[in-house]
Structure formats: C-alpha cells, structure tokens
Amino acid sequence: MTAPDRYPIPARQIRTEIEVRRSRFVATISHAPSEAEARAFVARVKAEFPDASHNCWAFAVGPPGDTGHTGMSDDGEPHGTAGRPMLTALLHGGVGDIGAVVTRYFGGVKLGKGGMARAYTEAVLKALAELPLAERREWARLGVSLDYGHVAGFERMLPSFEAKILSSDFACKVAYRVELTRERVPAFTREVADLTGGKAALSDQDE
C-alpha cells in the first residue's frame, strides 16, 4: 500500500506542561519528516534541558499510525514506562511525521510504573490537543517543452492545478520546469496533451 499524498502534520513546534505529584512533565512536539530530523529535534530539546531528571522521547515518521519508521527511549526511566506509552499516544493521535520529547523534573514522589506510563501519556495527549496542524503534500517537478503557440494556453491552465513555474527557457521551443502536487500529475499530463495535440514533451524532474 502506498502512502497517502496528504495527511496532517505539525505546523510548528509546541510545548505544554503538566504536574503529577510534584513532578513536572514538559512535553515538546515538533514536525519530524525523517528519522534524522527527528533525532536532531530530540538532541536539541535534550540540550535545552540538560538539568532534567529525564528527557524521554518518541517519534513516528510517515502517515498517521504508520509504524514503519519509529523510535523511542525511556531515557533512564523503568523500561516501558515512558517511550512506549508516548509512541502509542503519537500513533493514535491522527498526525504524521511527528516527534515528542517529554522532559521530567522529579518532584520527590515516586509514581510507580503505571503512574509514570499514565503521566507520560497525559503529557503527550495535552500537547497533541493544542498542536496546530498543517497539511503534508507531496510535490512533483515536471519538465514541459512546447511550441510558442501553446504558451498562453499553458500558463492559463496552471492555476487550476495549483502549479507554479520554477523556471522557463525560451529557445526553439519553450521549456518550463513546473511544480505541483503529485496527485494532480495524471490530470495535468492529460490537459497538456489535449492543449498541444499531444505534441508537448513532459519529463519527471524530481531528483
């Protein structure tokens, strides 16, 4: 099954806080479009809170609920009491490409394994509830070469596909490099063929 072209992602980093029996749990959530960027985000937060008792984390790269690229850490808390419940909350949160770090400042009262799992889950859920969302869109870049007589019609059709011109070269023919969402490429290709009587040349310009 292929991944969807569009799904909700974090619009920006957000930070919330809860207190459970005198322990502070500071949750930071951010966009994590790759494992490398997720781990870099974790490193930044850990560097921001070097005096914390624990900086536990989890991430899920991909569409909401996708378990193909995930990571987690209890960061010294008892095994399974932090990273796993945090990851579970992320996977059921309806948001993709997401990372979370929960920074704990121990308040002197032990919570027990069940209490810790609930606290880390609650910290992530609170941040998810306040998280502003954006839409992840997969972009495609196409090369389009056509005759001068079709330029006006071609440029008029671009807005209906939310396509933008990245570059243009006016030589024997006009060569464009355009960007649009991948899901619109088949319809765009048909429209260009209809406009030019099948004479335009299209090529995939993605690296």
C-alpha atoms as a PDB file:
ATOM      1  CA  MET A   1       0.000   0.000   0.000  1.00  0.00           C
ATOM      2  CA  THR A   2       1.398   3.404  -0.990  1.00  0.00           C
ATOM      3  CA  ALA A   3       1.493   6.280   1.462  1.00  0.00           C
ATOM      4  CA  PRO A   4      -1.153   8.997   1.007  1.00  0.00           C
ATOM      5  CA  ASP A   5      -0.031  12.218  -0.685  1.00  0.00           C
ATOM      6  CA  ARG A   6      -1.701  14.321   2.008  1.00  0.00           C
ATOM      7  CA  TYR A   7      -2.069  13.981   5.761  1.00  0.00           C
ATOM      8  CA  PRO A   8      -1.936  16.190   8.876  1.00  0.00           C
ATOM      9  CA  ILE A   9       1.481  17.151  10.239  1.00  0.00           C
ATOM     10  CA  PRO A  10       2.592  19.558  12.998  1.00  0.00           C
ATOM     11  CA  ALA A  11       2.528  23.138  11.735  1.00  0.00           C
ATOM     12  CA  ARG A  12       5.173  24.208  14.238  1.00  0.00           C
ATOM     13  CA  GLN A  13       6.820  23.181  17.474  1.00  0.00           C
ATOM     14  CA  ILE A  14       4.661  23.369  20.590  1.00  0.00           C
ATOM     15  CA  ARG A  15       5.393  22.964  24.301  1.00  0.00           C
ATOM     16  CA  THR A  16       2.972  22.228  27.140  1.00  0.00           C
ATOM     17  CA  GLU A  17       3.387  21.198  30.758  1.00  0.00           C
ATOM     18  CA  ILE A  18       1.594  19.154  33.394  1.00  0.00           C
ATOM     19  CA  GLU A  19       2.368  18.406  37.034  1.00  0.00           C
ATOM     20  CA  VAL A  20       1.813  14.996  38.567  1.00  0.00           C
ATOM     21  CA  ARG A  21       2.522  14.575  42.294  1.00  0.00           C
ATOM     22  CA  ARG A  22       5.093  17.368  42.287  1.00  0.00           C
ATOM     23  CA  SER A  23       6.941  16.086  39.191  1.00  0.00           C
ATOM     24  CA  ARG A  24       6.928  18.428  36.181  1.00  0.00           C
ATOM     25  CA  PHE A  25       6.409  16.893  32.754  1.00  0.00           C
ATOM     26  CA  VAL A  26       7.251  19.294  29.918  1.00  0.00           C
ATOM     27  CA  ALA A  27       6.115  17.984  26.527  1.00  0.00           C
ATOM     28  CA  THR A  28       7.657  19.325  23.322  1.00  0.00           C
ATOM     29  CA  ILE A  29       6.203  18.216  19.991  1.00  0.00           C
ATOM     30  CA  SER A  30       7.585  19.061  16.559  1.00  0.00           C
ATOM     31  CA  HIS A  31       7.468  18.137  12.890  1.00  0.00           C
ATOM     32  CA  ALA A  32       9.711  15.122  12.154  1.00  0.00           C
ATOM     33  CA  PRO A  33       9.727  14.438   8.386  1.00  0.00           C
ATOM     34  CA  SER A  34      12.663  11.996   8.607  1.00  0.00           C
ATOM     35  CA  GLU A  35      14.393   9.873  11.222  1.00  0.00           C
ATOM     36  CA  ALA A  36      17.476  12.108  11.033  1.00  0.00           C
ATOM     37  CA  GLU A  37      15.412  15.233  11.663  1.00  0.00           C
ATOM     38  CA  ALA A  38      13.514  13.510  14.481  1.00  0.00           C
ATOM     39  CA  ARG A  39      16.759  12.589  16.233  1.00  0.00           C
ATOM     40  CA  ALA A  40      18.125  16.111  15.696  1.00  0.00           C
ATOM     41  CA  PHE A  41      14.964  17.512  17.311  1.00  0.00           C
ATOM     42  CA  VAL A  42      15.441  15.193  20.300  1.00  0.00           C
ATOM     43  CA  ALA A  43      19.069  16.299  20.639  1.00  0.00           C
ATOM     44  CA  ARG A  44      18.051  19.976  20.607  1.00  0.00           C
ATOM     45  CA  VAL A  45      15.486  19.518  23.355  1.00  0.00           C
ATOM     46  CA  LYS A  46      17.881  17.470  25.491  1.00  0.00           C
ATOM     47  CA  ALA A  47      20.483  20.222  25.116  1.00  0.00           C
ATOM     48  CA  GLU A  48      17.851  22.759  26.191  1.00  0.00           C
ATOM     49  CA  PHE A  49      17.060  20.829  29.382  1.00  0.00           C
ATOM     50  CA  PRO A  50      20.408  19.327  30.478  1.00  0.00           C
ATOM     51  CA  ASP A  51      19.447  19.525  34.169  1.00  0.00           C
ATOM     52  CA  ALA A  52      16.258  17.475  33.788  1.00  0.00           C
ATOM     53  CA  SER A  53      15.836  14.124  35.515  1.00  0.00           C
ATOM     54  CA  HIS A  54      14.860  12.535  32.187  1.00  0.00           C
ATOM     55  CA  ASN A  55      14.297  13.537  28.558  1.00  0.00           C
ATOM     56  CA  CYS A  56      12.163  10.693  27.193  1.00  0.00           C
ATOM     57  CA  TRP A  57      11.198  10.678  23.559  1.00  0.00           C
ATOM     58  CA  ALA A  58       9.327   9.035  20.700  1.00  0.00           C
ATOM     59  CA  PHE A  59       8.788   9.720  17.024  1.00  0.00           C
ATOM     60  CA  ALA A  60       6.770   8.337  14.126  1.00  0.00           C
ATOM     61  CA  VAL A  61       7.803   9.283  10.593  1.00  0.00           C
ATOM     62  CA  GLY A  62       5.186   8.721   7.906  1.00  0.00           C
ATOM     63  CA  PRO A  63       1.386   8.899   7.693  1.00  0.00           C
ATOM     64  CA  PRO A  64      -0.677   8.850  10.909  1.00  0.00           C
ATOM     65  CA  GLY A  65      -0.467   5.449  12.591  1.00  0.00           C
ATOM     66  CA  ASP A  66       2.362   4.176  10.359  1.00  0.00           C
ATOM     67  CA  THR A  67       4.832   2.074  12.374  1.00  0.00           C
ATOM     68  CA  GLY A  68       7.450   1.663   9.643  1.00  0.00           C
ATOM     69  CA  HIS A  69       9.806   4.371  10.932  1.00  0.00           C
ATOM     70  CA  THR A  70       9.511   4.884  14.657  1.00  0.00           C
ATOM     71  CA  GLY A  71      11.833   5.364  17.601  1.00  0.00           C
ATOM     72  CA  MET A  72      11.542   5.772  21.364  1.00  0.00           C
ATOM     73  CA  SER A  73      13.567   5.986  24.549  1.00  0.00           C
ATOM     74  CA  ASP A  74      12.814   5.756  28.275  1.00  0.00           C
ATOM     75  CA  ASP A  75      16.000   7.744  28.994  1.00  0.00           C
ATOM     76  CA  GLY A  76      16.616   6.078  32.326  1.00  0.00           C
ATOM     77  CA  GLU A  77      13.026   5.619  33.443  1.00  0.00           C
ATOM     78  CA  PRO A  78      11.964   2.000  34.117  1.00  0.00           C
ATOM     79  CA  HIS A  79      11.649   0.035  30.886  1.00  0.00           C
ATOM     80  CA  GLY A  80       8.348   0.591  29.071  1.00  0.00           C
ATOM     81  CA  THR A  81       7.097   3.424  31.283  1.00  0.00           C
ATOM     82  CA  ALA A  82       7.859   6.410  29.033  1.00  0.00           C
ATOM     83  CA  GLY A  83       8.937   5.884  25.418  1.00  0.00           C
ATOM     84  CA  ARG A  84       6.400   3.169  24.619  1.00  0.00           C
ATOM     85  CA  PRO A  85       3.328   4.977  26.016  1.00  0.00           C
ATOM     86  CA  MET A  86       4.492   8.181  24.328  1.00  0.00           C
ATOM     87  CA  LEU A  87       4.813   6.399  20.971  1.00  0.00           C
ATOM     88  CA  THR A  88       1.393   4.800  21.408  1.00  0.00           C
ATOM     89  CA  ALA A  89      -0.127   8.231  22.015  1.00  0.00           C
ATOM     90  CA  LEU A  90       1.558   9.593  18.870  1.00  0.00           C
ATOM     91  CA  LEU A  91       0.446   6.661  16.713  1.00  0.00           C
ATOM     92  CA  HIS A  92      -3.171   7.146  17.798  1.00  0.00           C
ATOM     93  CA  GLY A  93      -3.048  10.940  17.576  1.00  0.00           C
ATOM     94  CA  GLY A  94      -4.042  11.248  13.916  1.00  0.00           C
ATOM     95  CA  VAL A  95      -0.909  13.245  12.997  1.00  0.00           C
ATOM     96  CA  GLY A  96       2.002  12.090  10.842  1.00  0.00           C
ATOM     97  CA  ASP A  97       5.710  12.976  10.730  1.00  0.00           C
ATOM     98  CA  ILE A  98       5.770  13.793  14.430  1.00  0.00           C
ATOM     99  CA  GLY A  99       8.253  13.703  17.283  1.00  0.00           C
ATOM    100  CA  ALA A 100       7.799  14.256  21.019  1.00  0.00           C
ATOM    101  CA  VAL A 101      10.144  14.766  23.945  1.00  0.00           C
ATOM    102  CA  VAL A 102       8.786  14.740  27.492  1.00  0.00           C
ATOM    103  CA  THR A 103      11.185  16.341  29.939  1.00  0.00           C
ATOM    104  CA  ARG A 104      10.679  15.289  33.545  1.00  0.00           C
ATOM    105  CA  TYR A 105      11.810  17.109  36.650  1.00  0.00           C
ATOM    106  CA  PHE A 106      11.397  14.643  39.511  1.00  0.00           C
ATOM    107  CA  GLY A 107       9.371  16.052  42.402  1.00  0.00           C
ATOM    108  CA  GLY A 108      10.388  13.574  45.067  1.00  0.00           C
ATOM    109  CA  VAL A 109       7.296  11.341  44.949  1.00  0.00           C
ATOM    110  CA  LYS A 110       7.563   8.002  43.135  1.00  0.00           C
ATOM    111  CA  LEU A 111       4.685   7.336  40.757  1.00  0.00           C
ATOM    112  CA  GLY A 112       5.091   3.606  40.179  1.00  0.00           C
ATOM    113  CA  LYS A 113       5.284   2.088  36.710  1.00  0.00           C
ATOM    114  CA  GLY A 114       1.598   2.513  35.973  1.00  0.00           C
ATOM    115  CA  GLY A 115       1.589   6.069  37.230  1.00  0.00           C
ATOM    116  CA  MET A 116       4.592   7.001  35.124  1.00  0.00           C
ATOM    117  CA  ALA A 117       3.096   5.498  31.980  1.00  0.00           C
ATOM    118  CA  ARG A 118      -0.101   7.466  32.574  1.00  0.00           C
ATOM    119  CA  ALA A 119       1.823  10.684  33.241  1.00  0.00           C
ATOM    120  CA  TYR A 120       3.918  10.431  30.066  1.00  0.00           C
ATOM    121  CA  THR A 121       0.809   9.587  28.067  1.00  0.00           C
ATOM    122  CA  GLU A 122      -1.094  12.529  29.550  1.00  0.00           C
ATOM    123  CA  ALA A 123       1.789  14.896  28.802  1.00  0.00           C
ATOM    124  CA  VAL A 124       1.788  13.906  25.109  1.00  0.00           C
ATOM    125  CA  LEU A 125      -2.004  13.991  24.827  1.00  0.00           C
ATOM    126  CA  LYS A 126      -2.144  17.509  26.264  1.00  0.00           C
ATOM    127  CA  ALA A 127       0.385  18.719  23.690  1.00  0.00           C
ATOM    128  CA  LEU A 128      -1.445  16.928  20.867  1.00  0.00           C
ATOM    129  CA  ALA A 129      -4.701  18.605  21.890  1.00  0.00           C
ATOM    130  CA  GLU A 130      -3.112  22.040  21.466  1.00  0.00           C
ATOM    131  CA  LEU A 131      -0.953  21.223  18.431  1.00  0.00           C
ATOM    132  CA  PRO A 132      -1.558  23.434  15.356  1.00  0.00           C
ATOM    133  CA  LEU A 133      -1.732  21.361  12.193  1.00  0.00           C
ATOM    134  CA  ALA A 134      -0.670  21.776   8.597  1.00  0.00           C
ATOM    135  CA  GLU A 135      -1.157  19.509   5.597  1.00  0.00           C
ATOM    136  CA  ARG A 136       1.669  17.421   4.238  1.00  0.00           C
ATOM    137  CA  ARG A 137       1.628  17.473   0.450  1.00  0.00           C
ATOM    138  CA  GLU A 138       3.886  15.500  -1.861  1.00  0.00           C
ATOM    139  CA  TRP A 139       5.241  17.711  -4.618  1.00  0.00           C
ATOM    140  CA  ALA A 140       6.306  16.704  -8.113  1.00  0.00           C
ATOM    141  CA  ARG A 141       8.511  18.634 -10.515  1.00  0.00           C
ATOM    142  CA  LEU A 142       7.954  18.239 -14.251  1.00  0.00           C
ATOM    143  CA  GLY A 143       9.732  19.474 -17.337  1.00  0.00           C
ATOM    144  CA  VAL A 144       7.364  20.635 -20.088  1.00  0.00           C
ATOM    145  CA  SER A 145       8.574  21.528 -23.588  1.00  0.00           C
ATOM    146  CA  LEU A 146       6.056  23.017 -26.025  1.00  0.00           C
ATOM    147  CA  ASP A 147       5.656  25.290 -29.046  1.00  0.00           C
ATOM    148  CA  TYR A 148       5.326  29.061 -28.664  1.00  0.00           C
ATOM    149  CA  GLY A 149       1.736  28.900 -29.907  1.00  0.00           C
ATOM    150  CA  HIS A 150       0.701  26.981 -26.789  1.00  0.00           C
ATOM    151  CA  VAL A 151       2.388  29.201 -24.196  1.00  0.00           C
ATOM    152  CA  ALA A 152      -0.605  31.392 -23.380  1.00  0.00           C
ATOM    153  CA  GLY A 153      -2.973  28.450 -23.008  1.00  0.00           C
ATOM    154  CA  PHE A 154      -0.449  26.531 -20.935  1.00  0.00           C
ATOM    155  CA  GLU A 155       0.135  29.376 -18.497  1.00  0.00           C
ATOM    156  CA  ARG A 156      -3.639  29.963 -18.169  1.00  0.00           C
ATOM    157  CA  MET A 157      -4.186  26.335 -17.100  1.00  0.00           C
ATOM    158  CA  LEU A 158      -1.575  26.362 -14.324  1.00  0.00           C
ATOM    159  CA  PRO A 159      -3.705  27.959 -11.559  1.00  0.00           C
ATOM    160  CA  SER A 160      -6.392  25.278 -11.864  1.00  0.00           C
ATOM    161  CA  PHE A 161      -3.737  22.691 -10.938  1.00  0.00           C
ATOM    162  CA  GLU A 162      -2.118  24.864  -8.246  1.00  0.00           C
ATOM    163  CA  ALA A 163       1.038  24.558 -10.333  1.00  0.00           C
ATOM    164  CA  LYS A 164       3.835  27.102 -10.273  1.00  0.00           C
ATOM    165  CA  ILE A 165       6.629  27.790 -12.728  1.00  0.00           C
ATOM    166  CA  LEU A 166      10.079  27.152 -11.267  1.00  0.00           C
ATOM    167  CA  SER A 167      11.984  28.160 -14.412  1.00  0.00           C
ATOM    168  CA  SER A 168      11.476  28.793 -18.113  1.00  0.00           C
ATOM    169  CA  ASP A 169      13.782  28.766 -21.133  1.00  0.00           C
ATOM    170  CA  PHE A 170      12.761  30.368 -24.426  1.00  0.00           C
ATOM    171  CA  ALA A 171      14.714  28.805 -27.298  1.00  0.00           C
ATOM    172  CA  CYS A 172      13.492  26.848 -30.342  1.00  0.00           C
ATOM    173  CA  LYS A 173      10.693  25.722 -28.055  1.00  0.00           C
ATOM    174  CA  VAL A 174       9.660  26.909 -24.622  1.00  0.00           C
ATOM    175  CA  ALA A 175      10.929  24.686 -21.823  1.00  0.00           C
ATOM    176  CA  TYR A 176       9.269  25.023 -18.417  1.00  0.00           C
ATOM    177  CA  ARG A 177      10.045  23.434 -15.098  1.00  0.00           C
ATOM    178  CA  VAL A 178       6.888  23.359 -13.011  1.00  0.00           C
ATOM    179  CA  GLU A 179       5.890  22.135  -9.557  1.00  0.00           C
ATOM    180  CA  LEU A 180       2.521  20.715  -8.491  1.00  0.00           C
ATOM    181  CA  THR A 181       1.153  18.135  -6.095  1.00  0.00           C
ATOM    182  CA  ARG A 182       1.846  14.590  -7.217  1.00  0.00           C
ATOM    183  CA  GLU A 183      -1.793  13.609  -7.058  1.00  0.00           C
ATOM    184  CA  ARG A 184      -2.551  16.171  -9.803  1.00  0.00           C
ATOM    185  CA  VAL A 185       0.121  14.950 -12.226  1.00  0.00           C
ATOM    186  CA  PRO A 186      -2.063  12.494 -14.230  1.00  0.00           C
ATOM    187  CA  ALA A 187      -4.797  15.081 -14.865  1.00  0.00           C
ATOM    188  CA  PHE A 188      -2.183  17.754 -15.614  1.00  0.00           C
ATOM    189  CA  THR A 189      -0.479  15.478 -18.142  1.00  0.00           C
ATOM    190  CA  ARG A 190      -3.788  14.806 -19.911  1.00  0.00           C
ATOM    191  CA  GLU A 191      -4.623  18.518 -20.009  1.00  0.00           C
ATOM    192  CA  VAL A 192      -1.246  19.402 -21.544  1.00  0.00           C
ATOM    193  CA  ALA A 193      -1.684  16.658 -24.155  1.00  0.00           C
ATOM    194  CA  ASP A 194      -5.151  17.958 -25.045  1.00  0.00           C
ATOM    195  CA  LEU A 195      -3.899  21.543 -25.243  1.00  0.00           C
ATOM    196  CA  THR A 196      -0.984  20.717 -27.546  1.00  0.00           C
ATOM    197  CA  GLY A 197      -2.489  17.876 -29.549  1.00  0.00           C
ATOM    198  CA  GLY A 198      -0.019  15.512 -27.942  1.00  0.00           C
ATOM    199  CA  LYS A 199       2.999  17.469 -29.173  1.00  0.00           C
ATOM    200  CA  ALA A 200       4.318  18.638 -25.780  1.00  0.00           C
ATOM    201  CA  ALA A 201       7.152  16.686 -24.164  1.00  0.00           C
ATOM    202  CA  LEU A 202       6.926  16.038 -20.432  1.00  0.00           C
ATOM    203  CA  SER A 203       9.643  14.663 -18.177  1.00  0.00           C
ATOM    204  CA  ASP A 204       9.994  13.926 -14.488  1.00  0.00           C
ATOM    205  CA  GLN A 205      12.377  16.437 -12.936  1.00  0.00           C
ATOM    206  CA  ASP A 206      12.439  15.024  -9.404  1.00  0.00           C
ATOM    207  CA  GLU A 207      15.913  14.282  -8.134  1.00  0.00           C
END
